[in-house]
Amino acid sequence: MRAMSWAVGVAMVAMVATGCATTGQQSADNREYTPPTSIYNILDSTALVYSNPMAGSAINDHPLRWLGFISHPLGHAVDYGVNRPMYTLGGSNHYLFGYTAEDSMLDAQRH
C-alpha cells in the first residue's frame, strides 16, 4: 500500500513537472509581427487630442455599421412616436396596464 501511494505521488509530480516544461512561446525566427490593438493608451488623457484615432481603425469598416448610422434617426422617431406615448398611456392607469414603479423609474431616466 505504501509503495502504491509513493508511485502515485511520483506520477503526479512527474505530470505537474512536464506540464510546466514548455512556455508556449514561439521561437525568435517564427515570430510574426502583430500590431497593437490601439494607437494610444487609455490612461493618457491627451492621447485623443494629439493623435489621430482614425489611423488605428480598420481599413474596411463593417458594412452593417453604416446601416446603423442610417437607421439611428428612425429608431429615435419610433421611440418618440410609439414607445414614449405607450409609457404615458400606461402611466395613466397603473392597474389596467400593469405599470409598475420600475416602469416609472425607467421612464423618468429617459433624456
PDB file of N, CA and C in Angstrom:
ATOM      1  N   MET A   1       0.827  -1.194   0.000  1.00  0.00           N
ATOM      2  CA  MET A   1       0.000   0.000   0.000  1.00  0.00           C
ATOM      3  C   MET A   1       0.872   1.259   0.000  1.00  0.00           C
ATOM      4  N   ARG A   2       1.919   1.216   0.796  1.00  0.00           N
ATOM      5  CA  ARG A   2       2.807   2.364   0.878  1.00  0.00           C
ATOM      6  C   ARG A   2       3.547   2.574  -0.450  1.00  0.00           C
ATOM      7  N   ALA A   3       3.931   1.523  -1.084  1.00  0.00           N
ATOM      8  CA  ALA A   3       4.620   1.608  -2.377  1.00  0.00           C
ATOM      9  C   ALA A   3       3.683   2.156  -3.446  1.00  0.00           C
ATOM     10  N   MET A   4       2.405   1.789  -3.359  1.00  0.00           N
ATOM     11  CA  MET A   4       1.418   2.272  -4.331  1.00  0.00           C
ATOM     12  C   MET A   4       1.211   3.785  -4.173  1.00  0.00           C
ATOM     13  N   SER A   5       1.072   4.288  -2.962  1.00  0.00           N
ATOM     14  CA  SER A   5       0.876   5.721  -2.758  1.00  0.00           C
ATOM     15  C   SER A   5       2.136   6.497  -3.150  1.00  0.00           C
ATOM     16  N   TRP A   6       3.322   5.886  -2.920  1.00  0.00           N
ATOM     17  CA  TRP A   6       4.561   6.533  -3.324  1.00  0.00           C
ATOM     18  C   TRP A   6       4.630   6.628  -4.849  1.00  0.00           C
ATOM     19  N   ALA A   7       4.224   5.588  -5.555  1.00  0.00           N
ATOM     20  CA  ALA A   7       4.240   5.567  -7.014  1.00  0.00           C
ATOM     21  C   ALA A   7       3.237   6.580  -7.581  1.00  0.00           C
ATOM     22  N   VAL A   8       2.063   6.672  -6.952  1.00  0.00           N
ATOM     23  CA  VAL A   8       1.077   7.664  -7.401  1.00  0.00           C
ATOM     24  C   VAL A   8       1.611   9.074  -7.175  1.00  0.00           C
ATOM     25  N   GLY A   9       2.273   9.314  -6.046  1.00  0.00           N
ATOM     26  CA  GLY A   9       2.865  10.626  -5.767  1.00  0.00           C
ATOM     27  C   GLY A   9       3.920  10.999  -6.781  1.00  0.00           C
ATOM     28  N   VAL A  10       4.783  10.032  -7.128  1.00  0.00           N
ATOM     29  CA  VAL A  10       5.826  10.284  -8.128  1.00  0.00           C
ATOM     30  C   VAL A  10       5.194  10.575  -9.484  1.00  0.00           C
ATOM     31  N   ALA A  11       4.150   9.847  -9.850  1.00  0.00           N
ATOM     32  CA  ALA A  11       3.477  10.072 -11.129  1.00  0.00           C
ATOM     33  C   ALA A  11       2.826  11.453 -11.166  1.00  0.00           C
ATOM     34  N   MET A  12       2.233  11.877 -10.054  1.00  0.00           N
ATOM     35  CA  MET A  12       1.603  13.206 -10.014  1.00  0.00           C
ATOM     36  C   MET A  12       2.634  14.312 -10.137  1.00  0.00           C
ATOM     37  N   VAL A  13       3.767  14.162  -9.444  1.00  0.00           N
ATOM     38  CA  VAL A  13       4.838  15.160  -9.547  1.00  0.00           C
ATOM     39  C   VAL A  13       5.386  15.201 -10.969  1.00  0.00           C
ATOM     40  N   ALA A  14       5.534  14.045 -11.603  1.00  0.00           N
ATOM     41  CA  ALA A  14       6.039  13.998 -12.976  1.00  0.00           C
ATOM     42  C   ALA A  14       5.072  14.680 -13.939  1.00  0.00           C
ATOM     43  N   MET A  15       3.762  14.483 -13.744  1.00  0.00           N
ATOM     44  CA  MET A  15       2.782  15.123 -14.632  1.00  0.00           C
ATOM     45  C   MET A  15       2.789  16.633 -14.448  1.00  0.00           C
ATOM     46  N   VAL A  16       2.880  17.096 -13.212  1.00  0.00           N
ATOM     47  CA  VAL A  16       2.916  18.540 -12.969  1.00  0.00           C
ATOM     48  C   VAL A  16       4.194  19.146 -13.532  1.00  0.00           C
ATOM     49  N   ALA A  17       5.316  18.473 -13.357  1.00  0.00           N
ATOM     50  CA  ALA A  17       6.596  18.988 -13.843  1.00  0.00           C
ATOM     51  C   ALA A  17       6.632  19.053 -15.362  1.00  0.00           C
ATOM     52  N   THR A  18       6.088  18.059 -16.043  1.00  0.00           N
ATOM     53  CA  THR A  18       6.107  18.084 -17.504  1.00  0.00           C
ATOM     54  C   THR A  18       5.095  19.068 -18.058  1.00  0.00           C
ATOM     55  N   GLY A  19       4.040  19.349 -17.319  1.00  0.00           N
ATOM     56  CA  GLY A  19       3.065  20.340 -17.774  1.00  0.00           C
ATOM     57  C   GLY A  19       3.641  21.740 -17.792  1.00  0.00           C
ATOM     58  N   CYS A  20       4.602  21.997 -16.929  1.00  0.00           N
ATOM     59  CA  CYS A  20       5.222  23.315 -16.852  1.00  0.00           C
ATOM     60  C   CYS A  20       6.531  23.380 -17.622  1.00  0.00           C
ATOM     61  N   ALA A  21       6.845  22.360 -18.382  1.00  0.00           N
ATOM     62  CA  ALA A  21       8.144  22.296 -19.049  1.00  0.00           C
ATOM     63  C   ALA A  21       8.246  23.256 -20.217  1.00  0.00           C
ATOM     64  N   THR A  22       7.155  23.553 -20.896  1.00  0.00           N
ATOM     65  CA  THR A  22       7.227  24.453 -22.047  1.00  0.00           C
ATOM     66  C   THR A  22       6.594  25.787 -21.683  1.00  0.00           C
ATOM     67  N   THR A  23       7.049  26.836 -22.328  1.00  0.00           N
ATOM     68  CA  THR A  23       6.492  28.161 -22.077  1.00  0.00           C
ATOM     69  C   THR A  23       5.392  28.512 -23.052  1.00  0.00           C
ATOM     70  N   GLY A  24       5.271  27.783 -24.138  1.00  0.00           N
ATOM     71  CA  GLY A  24       4.254  28.070 -25.135  1.00  0.00           C
ATOM     72  C   GLY A  24       4.596  29.262 -26.018  1.00  0.00           C
ATOM     73  N   GLN A  25       5.826  29.773 -25.899  1.00  0.00           N
ATOM     74  CA  GLN A  25       6.232  30.910 -26.714  1.00  0.00           C
ATOM     75  C   GLN A  25       6.841  30.416 -28.015  1.00  0.00           C
ATOM     76  N   GLN A  26       6.720  31.258 -29.034  1.00  0.00           N
ATOM     77  CA  GLN A  26       7.302  30.909 -30.313  1.00  0.00           C
ATOM     78  C   GLN A  26       8.793  31.217 -30.293  1.00  0.00           C
ATOM     79  N   SER A  27       9.529  30.542 -31.154  1.00  0.00           N
ATOM     80  CA  SER A  27      10.953  30.828 -31.244  1.00  0.00           C
ATOM     81  C   SER A  27      11.154  32.160 -31.962  1.00  0.00           C
ATOM     82  N   ALA A  28      12.350  32.714 -31.845  1.00  0.00           N
ATOM     83  CA  ALA A  28      12.647  34.035 -32.397  1.00  0.00           C
ATOM     84  C   ALA A  28      12.485  34.090 -33.908  1.00  0.00           C
ATOM     85  N   ASP A  29      12.800  33.013 -34.611  1.00  0.00           N
ATOM     86  CA  ASP A  29      12.707  33.038 -36.071  1.00  0.00           C
ATOM     87  C   ASP A  29      11.289  32.767 -36.573  1.00  0.00           C
ATOM     88  N   ASN A  30      10.371  32.336 -35.710  1.00  0.00           N
ATOM     89  CA  ASN A  30       8.997  32.040 -36.114  1.00  0.00           C
ATOM     90  C   ASN A  30       8.024  33.163 -35.761  1.00  0.00           C
ATOM     91  N   ARG A  31       8.461  34.186 -35.124  1.00  0.00           N
ATOM     92  CA  ARG A  31       7.560  35.230 -34.652  1.00  0.00           C
ATOM     93  C   ARG A  31       7.036  36.077 -35.804  1.00  0.00           C
ATOM     94  N   GLU A  32       5.777  36.423 -35.696  1.00  0.00           N
ATOM     95  CA  GLU A  32       5.143  37.270 -36.689  1.00  0.00           C
ATOM     96  C   GLU A  32       4.708  38.558 -36.002  1.00  0.00           C
ATOM     97  N   TYR A  33       4.918  39.684 -36.640  1.00  0.00           N
ATOM     98  CA  TYR A  33       4.587  40.963 -36.026  1.00  0.00           C
ATOM     99  C   TYR A  33       3.069  41.137 -35.949  1.00  0.00           C
ATOM    100  N   THR A  34       2.580  41.464 -34.768  1.00  0.00           N
ATOM    101  CA  THR A  34       1.168  41.794 -34.594  1.00  0.00           C
ATOM    102  C   THR A  34       1.094  43.219 -34.077  1.00  0.00           C
ATOM    103  N   PRO A  35       0.426  44.102 -34.803  1.00  0.00           N
ATOM    104  CA  PRO A  35       0.364  45.496 -34.377  1.00  0.00           C
ATOM    105  C   PRO A  35      -0.464  45.626 -33.101  1.00  0.00           C
ATOM    106  N   PRO A  36      -0.244  46.687 -32.353  1.00  0.00           N
ATOM    107  CA  PRO A  36      -1.037  46.891 -31.137  1.00  0.00           C
ATOM    108  C   PRO A  36      -2.497  47.133 -31.479  1.00  0.00           C
ATOM    109  N   THR A  37      -3.387  46.823 -30.533  1.00  0.00           N
ATOM    110  CA  THR A  37      -4.811  46.994 -30.796  1.00  0.00           C
ATOM    111  C   THR A  37      -5.218  48.454 -30.801  1.00  0.00           C
ATOM    112  N   SER A  38      -4.414  49.300 -30.238  1.00  0.00           N
ATOM    113  CA  SER A  38      -4.759  50.708 -30.171  1.00  0.00           C
ATOM    114  C   SER A  38      -3.500  51.532 -30.375  1.00  0.00           C
ATOM    115  N   ILE A  39      -3.680  52.729 -30.914  1.00  0.00           N
ATOM    116  CA  ILE A  39      -2.519  53.582 -31.139  1.00  0.00           C
ATOM    117  C   ILE A  39      -2.276  54.515 -29.966  1.00  0.00           C
ATOM    118  N   TYR A  40      -3.126  54.472 -28.956  1.00  0.00           N
ATOM    119  CA  TYR A  40      -2.940  55.333 -27.799  1.00  0.00           C
ATOM    120  C   TYR A  40      -3.242  54.570 -26.522  1.00  0.00           C
ATOM    121  N   ASN A  41      -2.777  55.089 -25.439  1.00  0.00           N
ATOM    122  CA  ASN A  41      -3.000  54.498 -24.134  1.00  0.00           C
ATOM    123  C   ASN A  41      -4.264  55.108 -23.542  1.00  0.00           C
ATOM    124  N   ILE A  42      -5.161  54.299 -23.016  1.00  0.00           N
ATOM    125  CA  ILE A  42      -6.423  54.820 -22.488  1.00  0.00           C
ATOM    126  C   ILE A  42      -6.217  55.635 -21.228  1.00  0.00           C
ATOM    127  N   LEU A  43      -5.079  55.477 -20.577  1.00  0.00           N
ATOM    128  CA  LEU A  43      -4.812  56.246 -19.371  1.00  0.00           C
ATOM    129  C   LEU A  43      -4.236  57.625 -19.684  1.00  0.00           C
ATOM    130  N   ASP A  44      -3.884  57.860 -20.929  1.00  0.00           N
ATOM    131  CA  ASP A  44      -3.333  59.150 -21.324  1.00  0.00           C
ATOM    132  C   ASP A  44      -4.480  60.060 -21.731  1.00  0.00           C
ATOM    133  N   SER A  45      -4.733  61.094 -20.928  1.00  0.00           N
ATOM    134  CA  SER A  45      -5.887  61.956 -21.184  1.00  0.00           C
ATOM    135  C   SER A  45      -5.716  62.817 -22.434  1.00  0.00           C
ATOM    136  N   THR A  46      -4.499  63.043 -22.881  1.00  0.00           N
ATOM    137  CA  THR A  46      -4.274  63.874 -24.062  1.00  0.00           C
ATOM    138  C   THR A  46      -4.100  63.049 -25.332  1.00  0.00           C
ATOM    139  N   ALA A  47      -4.273  61.744 -25.245  1.00  0.00           N
ATOM    140  CA  ALA A  47      -4.000  60.888 -26.395  1.00  0.00           C
ATOM    141  C   ALA A  47      -4.923  61.204 -27.570  1.00  0.00           C
ATOM    142  N   LEU A  48      -6.206  61.431 -27.311  1.00  0.00           N
ATOM    143  CA  LEU A  48      -7.134  61.703 -28.407  1.00  0.00           C
ATOM    144  C   LEU A  48      -6.970  63.112 -28.955  1.00  0.00           C
ATOM    145  N   VAL A  49      -6.370  63.986 -28.191  1.00  0.00           N
ATOM    146  CA  VAL A  49      -6.160  65.353 -28.657  1.00  0.00           C
ATOM    147  C   VAL A  49      -4.982  65.401 -29.620  1.00  0.00           C
ATOM    148  N   TYR A  50      -3.922  64.686 -29.290  1.00  0.00           N
ATOM    149  CA  TYR A  50      -2.692  64.779 -30.060  1.00  0.00           C
ATOM    150  C   TYR A  50      -2.452  63.604 -30.992  1.00  0.00           C
ATOM    151  N   SER A  51      -3.431  62.757 -31.207  1.00  0.00           N
ATOM    152  CA  SER A  51      -3.256  61.639 -32.128  1.00  0.00           C
ATOM    153  C   SER A  51      -4.464  61.546 -33.047  1.00  0.00           C
ATOM    154  N   ASN A  52      -4.358  60.714 -34.021  1.00  0.00           N
ATOM    155  CA  ASN A  52      -5.428  60.526 -34.980  1.00  0.00           C
ATOM    156  C   ASN A  52      -6.055  59.164 -34.731  1.00  0.00           C
ATOM    157  N   PRO A  53      -7.219  59.084 -34.061  1.00  0.00           N
ATOM    158  CA  PRO A  53      -7.832  57.778 -33.787  1.00  0.00           C
ATOM    159  C   PRO A  53      -8.209  57.016 -35.045  1.00  0.00           C
ATOM    160  N   MET A  54      -8.494  57.709 -36.138  1.00  0.00           N
ATOM    161  CA  MET A  54      -8.856  57.031 -37.374  1.00  0.00           C
ATOM    162  C   MET A  54      -7.691  56.234 -37.944  1.00  0.00           C
ATOM    163  N   ALA A  55      -6.468  56.595 -37.577  1.00  0.00           N
ATOM    164  CA  ALA A  55      -5.309  55.863 -38.077  1.00  0.00           C
ATOM    165  C   ALA A  55      -5.277  54.444 -37.531  1.00  0.00           C
ATOM    166  N   GLY A  56      -5.887  54.213 -36.386  1.00  0.00           N
ATOM    167  CA  GLY A  56      -5.898  52.879 -35.805  1.00  0.00           C
ATOM    168  C   GLY A  56      -7.128  52.074 -36.143  1.00  0.00           C
ATOM    169  N   SER A  57      -8.075  52.636 -36.884  1.00  0.00           N
ATOM    170  CA  SER A  57      -9.304  51.909 -37.213  1.00  0.00           C
ATOM    171  C   SER A  57      -9.063  50.938 -38.365  1.00  0.00           C
ATOM    172  N   ALA A  58      -9.983  50.031 -38.519  1.00  0.00           N
ATOM    173  CA  ALA A  58      -9.860  49.045 -39.584  1.00  0.00           C
ATOM    174  C   ALA A  58      -9.965  49.706 -40.954  1.00  0.00           C
ATOM    175  N   ILE A  59      -9.288  49.138 -41.917  1.00  0.00           N
ATOM    176  CA  ILE A  59      -9.301  49.713 -43.265  1.00  0.00           C
ATOM    177  C   ILE A  59     -10.690  49.567 -43.885  1.00  0.00           C
ATOM    178  N   ASN A  60     -11.244  48.383 -43.831  1.00  0.00           N
ATOM    179  CA  ASN A  60     -12.579  48.146 -44.361  1.00  0.00           C
ATOM    180  C   ASN A  60     -13.543  47.994 -43.197  1.00  0.00           C
ATOM    181  N   ASP A  61     -14.295  49.032 -42.917  1.00  0.00           N
ATOM    182  CA  ASP A  61     -15.222  49.005 -41.799  1.00  0.00           C
ATOM    183  C   ASP A  61     -16.376  48.059 -42.110  1.00  0.00           C
ATOM    184  N   HIS A  62     -17.043  47.571 -41.069  1.00  0.00           N
ATOM    185  CA  HIS A  62     -18.148  46.626 -41.255  1.00  0.00           C
ATOM    186  C   HIS A  62     -19.314  47.332 -41.935  1.00  0.00           C
ATOM    187  N   PRO A  63     -19.896  46.762 -42.995  1.00  0.00           N
ATOM    188  CA  PRO A  63     -20.959  47.451 -43.737  1.00  0.00           C
ATOM    189  C   PRO A  63     -22.228  47.666 -42.914  1.00  0.00           C
ATOM    190  N   LEU A  64     -22.509  46.802 -41.941  1.00  0.00           N
ATOM    191  CA  LEU A  64     -23.721  46.999 -41.146  1.00  0.00           C
ATOM    192  C   LEU A  64     -23.608  48.197 -40.210  1.00  0.00           C
ATOM    193  N   ARG A  65     -22.386  48.647 -39.959  1.00  0.00           N
ATOM    194  CA  ARG A  65     -22.215  49.846 -39.137  1.00  0.00           C
ATOM    195  C   ARG A  65     -22.856  51.047 -39.836  1.00  0.00           C
ATOM    196  N   TRP A  66     -22.695  51.127 -41.140  1.00  0.00           N
ATOM    197  CA  TRP A  66     -23.294  52.237 -41.884  1.00  0.00           C
ATOM    198  C   TRP A  66     -24.816  52.123 -41.886  1.00  0.00           C
ATOM    199  N   LEU A  67     -25.329  50.908 -41.912  1.00  0.00           N
ATOM    200  CA  LEU A  67     -26.770  50.712 -41.801  1.00  0.00           C
ATOM    201  C   LEU A  67     -27.264  51.220 -40.446  1.00  0.00           C
ATOM    202  N   GLY A  68     -26.475  51.002 -39.397  1.00  0.00           N
ATOM    203  CA  GLY A  68     -26.822  51.508 -38.073  1.00  0.00           C
ATOM    204  C   GLY A  68     -26.833  53.023 -38.038  1.00  0.00           C
ATOM    205  N   PHE A  69     -25.866  53.657 -38.694  1.00  0.00           N
ATOM    206  CA  PHE A  69     -25.842  55.118 -38.751  1.00  0.00           C
ATOM    207  C   PHE A  69     -27.073  55.665 -39.466  1.00  0.00           C
ATOM    208  N   ILE A  70     -27.457  54.998 -40.538  1.00  0.00           N
ATOM    209  CA  ILE A  70     -28.601  55.465 -41.314  1.00  0.00           C
ATOM    210  C   ILE A  70     -29.908  55.253 -40.550  1.00  0.00           C
ATOM    211  N   SER A  71     -30.034  54.119 -39.843  1.00  0.00           N
ATOM    212  CA  SER A  71     -31.299  53.812 -39.172  1.00  0.00           C
ATOM    213  C   SER A  71     -31.416  54.417 -37.774  1.00  0.00           C
ATOM    214  N   HIS A  72     -30.374  55.057 -37.267  1.00  0.00           N
ATOM    215  CA  HIS A  72     -30.429  55.658 -35.935  1.00  0.00           C
ATOM    216  C   HIS A  72     -31.539  56.709 -35.806  1.00  0.00           C
ATOM    217  N   PRO A  73     -31.691  57.632 -36.753  1.00  0.00           N
ATOM    218  CA  PRO A  73     -32.801  58.590 -36.640  1.00  0.00           C
ATOM    219  C   PRO A  73     -34.174  57.914 -36.691  1.00  0.00           C
ATOM    220  N   LEU A  74     -34.274  56.813 -37.442  1.00  0.00           N
ATOM    221  CA  LEU A  74     -35.544  56.092 -37.477  1.00  0.00           C
ATOM    222  C   LEU A  74     -35.874  55.487 -36.114  1.00  0.00           C
ATOM    223  N   GLY A  75     -34.858  55.001 -35.419  1.00  0.00           N
ATOM    224  CA  GLY A  75     -35.060  54.461 -34.088  1.00  0.00           C
ATOM    225  C   GLY A  75     -35.525  55.521 -33.110  1.00  0.00           C
ATOM    226  N   HIS A  76     -34.971  56.724 -33.221  1.00  0.00           N
ATOM    227  CA  HIS A  76     -35.428  57.828 -32.369  1.00  0.00           C
ATOM    228  C   HIS A  76     -36.868  58.208 -32.692  1.00  0.00           C
ATOM    229  N   ALA A  77     -37.213  58.189 -33.961  1.00  0.00           N
ATOM    230  CA  ALA A  77     -38.588  58.518 -34.345  1.00  0.00           C
ATOM    231  C   ALA A  77     -39.570  57.495 -33.772  1.00  0.00           C
ATOM    232  N   VAL A  78     -39.206  56.219 -33.799  1.00  0.00           N
ATOM    233  CA  VAL A  78     -40.069  55.191 -33.223  1.00  0.00           C
ATOM    234  C   VAL A  78     -40.152  55.357 -31.711  1.00  0.00           C
ATOM    235  N   ASP A  79     -39.044  55.728 -31.085  1.00  0.00           N
ATOM    236  CA  ASP A  79     -39.053  55.927 -29.636  1.00  0.00           C
ATOM    237  C   ASP A  79     -39.996  57.061 -29.249  1.00  0.00           C
ATOM    238  N   TYR A  80     -39.872  58.184 -29.935  1.00  0.00           N
ATOM    239  CA  TYR A  80     -40.726  59.335 -29.601  1.00  0.00           C
ATOM    240  C   TYR A  80     -42.162  59.156 -30.098  1.00  0.00           C
ATOM    241  N   GLY A  81     -42.345  58.437 -31.206  1.00  0.00           N
ATOM    242  CA  GLY A  81     -43.682  58.307 -31.773  1.00  0.00           C
ATOM    243  C   GLY A  81     -44.504  57.156 -31.223  1.00  0.00           C
ATOM    244  N   VAL A  82     -43.846  56.092 -30.755  1.00  0.00           N
ATOM    245  CA  VAL A  82     -44.575  54.904 -30.298  1.00  0.00           C
ATOM    246  C   VAL A  82     -44.293  54.596 -28.823  1.00  0.00           C
ATOM    247  N   ASN A  83     -43.018  54.462 -28.483  1.00  0.00           N
ATOM    248  CA  ASN A  83     -42.658  53.975 -27.161  1.00  0.00           C
ATOM    249  C   ASN A  83     -43.045  54.944 -26.044  1.00  0.00           C
ATOM    250  N   ARG A  84     -42.686  56.208 -26.176  1.00  0.00           N
ATOM    251  CA  ARG A  84     -42.981  57.175 -25.107  1.00  0.00           C
ATOM    252  C   ARG A  84     -44.478  57.410 -24.922  1.00  0.00           C
ATOM    253  N   PRO A  85     -45.269  57.494 -25.997  1.00  0.00           N
ATOM    254  CA  PRO A  85     -46.721  57.597 -25.760  1.00  0.00           C
ATOM    255  C   PRO A  85     -47.305  56.355 -25.081  1.00  0.00           C
ATOM    256  N   MET A  86     -46.750  55.177 -25.356  1.00  0.00           N
ATOM    257  CA  MET A  86     -47.231  53.972 -24.681  1.00  0.00           C
ATOM    258  C   MET A  86     -46.926  54.020 -23.184  1.00  0.00           C
ATOM    259  N   TYR A  87     -45.759  54.538 -22.807  1.00  0.00           N
ATOM    260  CA  TYR A  87     -45.442  54.703 -21.389  1.00  0.00           C
ATOM    261  C   TYR A  87     -46.376  55.724 -20.748  1.00  0.00           C
ATOM    262  N   THR A  88     -46.687  56.782 -21.469  1.00  0.00           N
ATOM    263  CA  THR A  88     -47.611  57.778 -20.927  1.00  0.00           C
ATOM    264  C   THR A  88     -49.006  57.179 -20.749  1.00  0.00           C
ATOM    265  N   LEU A  89     -49.445  56.411 -21.722  1.00  0.00           N
ATOM    266  CA  LEU A  89     -50.740  55.742 -21.615  1.00  0.00           C
ATOM    267  C   LEU A  89     -50.745  54.741 -20.462  1.00  0.00           C
ATOM    268  N   GLY A  90     -49.674  53.975 -20.313  1.00  0.00           N
ATOM    269  CA  GLY A  90     -49.578  53.014 -19.221  1.00  0.00           C
ATOM    270  C   GLY A  90     -49.531  53.690 -17.863  1.00  0.00           C
ATOM    271  N   GLY A  91     -48.890  54.841 -17.798  1.00  0.00           N
ATOM    272  CA  GLY A  91     -48.811  55.573 -16.535  1.00  0.00           C
ATOM    273  C   GLY A  91     -50.123  56.201 -16.122  1.00  0.00           C
ATOM    274  N   SER A  92     -51.050  56.355 -17.072  1.00  0.00           N
ATOM    275  CA  SER A  92     -52.330  56.982 -16.736  1.00  0.00           C
ATOM    276  C   SER A  92     -53.241  56.041 -15.948  1.00  0.00           C
ATOM    277  N   ASN A  93     -53.123  54.729 -16.145  1.00  0.00           N
ATOM    278  CA  ASN A  93     -53.947  53.767 -15.414  1.00  0.00           C
ATOM    279  C   ASN A  93     -53.049  52.582 -15.041  1.00  0.00           C
ATOM    280  N   HIS A  94     -52.453  52.656 -13.852  1.00  0.00           N
ATOM    281  CA  HIS A  94     -51.463  51.662 -13.426  1.00  0.00           C
ATOM    282  C   HIS A  94     -52.037  50.249 -13.374  1.00  0.00           C
ATOM    283  N   TYR A  95     -53.220  50.111 -12.831  1.00  0.00           N
ATOM    284  CA  TYR A  95     -53.786  48.776 -12.615  1.00  0.00           C
ATOM    285  C   TYR A  95     -54.153  48.100 -13.937  1.00  0.00           C
ATOM    286  N   LEU A  96     -54.733  48.851 -14.858  1.00  0.00           N
ATOM    287  CA  LEU A  96     -55.189  48.286 -16.123  1.00  0.00           C
ATOM    288  C   LEU A  96     -54.015  47.822 -16.995  1.00  0.00           C
ATOM    289  N   PHE A  97     -52.935  48.610 -17.041  1.00  0.00           N
ATOM    290  CA  PHE A  97     -51.814  48.310 -17.939  1.00  0.00           C
ATOM    291  C   PHE A  97     -50.649  47.603 -17.249  1.00  0.00           C
ATOM    292  N   GLY A  98     -50.698  47.406 -15.925  1.00  0.00           N
ATOM    293  CA  GLY A  98     -49.607  46.747 -15.213  1.00  0.00           C
ATOM    294  C   GLY A  98     -48.364  47.605 -15.109  1.00  0.00           C
ATOM    295  N   TYR A  99     -48.554  48.907 -15.075  1.00  0.00           N
ATOM    296  CA  TYR A  99     -47.450  49.869 -14.985  1.00  0.00           C
ATOM    297  C   TYR A  99     -46.910  49.839 -13.559  1.00  0.00           C
ATOM    298  N   THR A 100     -45.631  49.495 -13.395  1.00  0.00           N
ATOM    299  CA  THR A 100     -45.047  49.335 -12.070  1.00  0.00           C
ATOM    300  C   THR A 100     -44.131  50.502 -11.734  1.00  0.00           C
ATOM    301  N   ALA A 101     -43.613  50.496 -10.508  1.00  0.00           N
ATOM    302  CA  ALA A 101     -42.667  51.530 -10.081  1.00  0.00           C
ATOM    303  C   ALA A 101     -41.388  51.470 -10.903  1.00  0.00           C
ATOM    304  N   GLU A 102     -40.979  50.265 -11.299  1.00  0.00           N
ATOM    305  CA  GLU A 102     -39.787  50.129 -12.135  1.00  0.00           C
ATOM    306  C   GLU A 102     -40.002  50.762 -13.504  1.00  0.00           C
ATOM    307  N   ASP A 103     -41.195  50.600 -14.059  1.00  0.00           N
ATOM    308  CA  ASP A 103     -41.511  51.242 -15.347  1.00  0.00           C
ATOM    309  C   ASP A 103     -41.462  52.759 -15.205  1.00  0.00           C
ATOM    310  N   SER A 104     -41.980  53.253 -14.097  1.00  0.00           N
ATOM    311  CA  SER A 104     -41.958  54.696 -13.869  1.00  0.00           C
ATOM    312  C   SER A 104     -40.527  55.200 -13.738  1.00  0.00           C
ATOM    313  N   MET A 105     -39.673  54.427 -13.037  1.00  0.00           N
ATOM    314  CA  MET A 105     -38.276  54.823 -12.885  1.00  0.00           C
ATOM    315  C   MET A 105     -37.570  54.841 -14.235  1.00  0.00           C
ATOM    316  N   LEU A 106     -37.788  53.815 -15.059  1.00  0.00           N
ATOM    317  CA  LEU A 106     -37.156  53.772 -16.377  1.00  0.00           C
ATOM    318  C   LEU A 106     -37.623  54.909 -17.266  1.00  0.00           C
ATOM    319  N   ASP A 107     -38.905  55.230 -17.185  1.00  0.00           N
ATOM    320  CA  ASP A 107     -39.439  56.328 -17.988  1.00  0.00           C
ATOM    321  C   ASP A 107     -38.865  57.664 -17.522  1.00  0.00           C
ATOM    322  N   ALA A 108     -38.659  57.814 -16.226  1.00  0.00           N
ATOM    323  CA  ALA A 108     -38.102  59.069 -15.695  1.00  0.00           C
ATOM    324  C   ALA A 108     -36.635  59.244 -16.050  1.00  0.00           C
ATOM    325  N   GLN A 109     -35.915  58.164 -16.318  1.00  0.00           N
ATOM    326  CA  GLN A 109     -34.485  58.250 -16.629  1.00  0.00           C
ATOM    327  C   GLN A 109     -34.213  58.595 -18.080  1.00  0.00           C
ATOM    328  N   ARG A 110     -35.209  58.643 -18.906  1.00  0.00           N
ATOM    329  CA  ARG A 110     -35.001  58.978 -20.317  1.00  0.00           C
ATOM    330  C   ARG A 110     -34.654  60.448 -20.463  1.00  0.00           C
ATOM    331  N   HIS A 111     -33.836  60.725 -21.443  1.00  0.00           N
ATOM    332  CA  HIS A 111     -33.430  62.120 -21.687  1.00  0.00           C
ATOM    333  C   HIS A 111     -34.104  62.636 -22.912  1.00  0.00           C
TER     334      HIS A 111
END
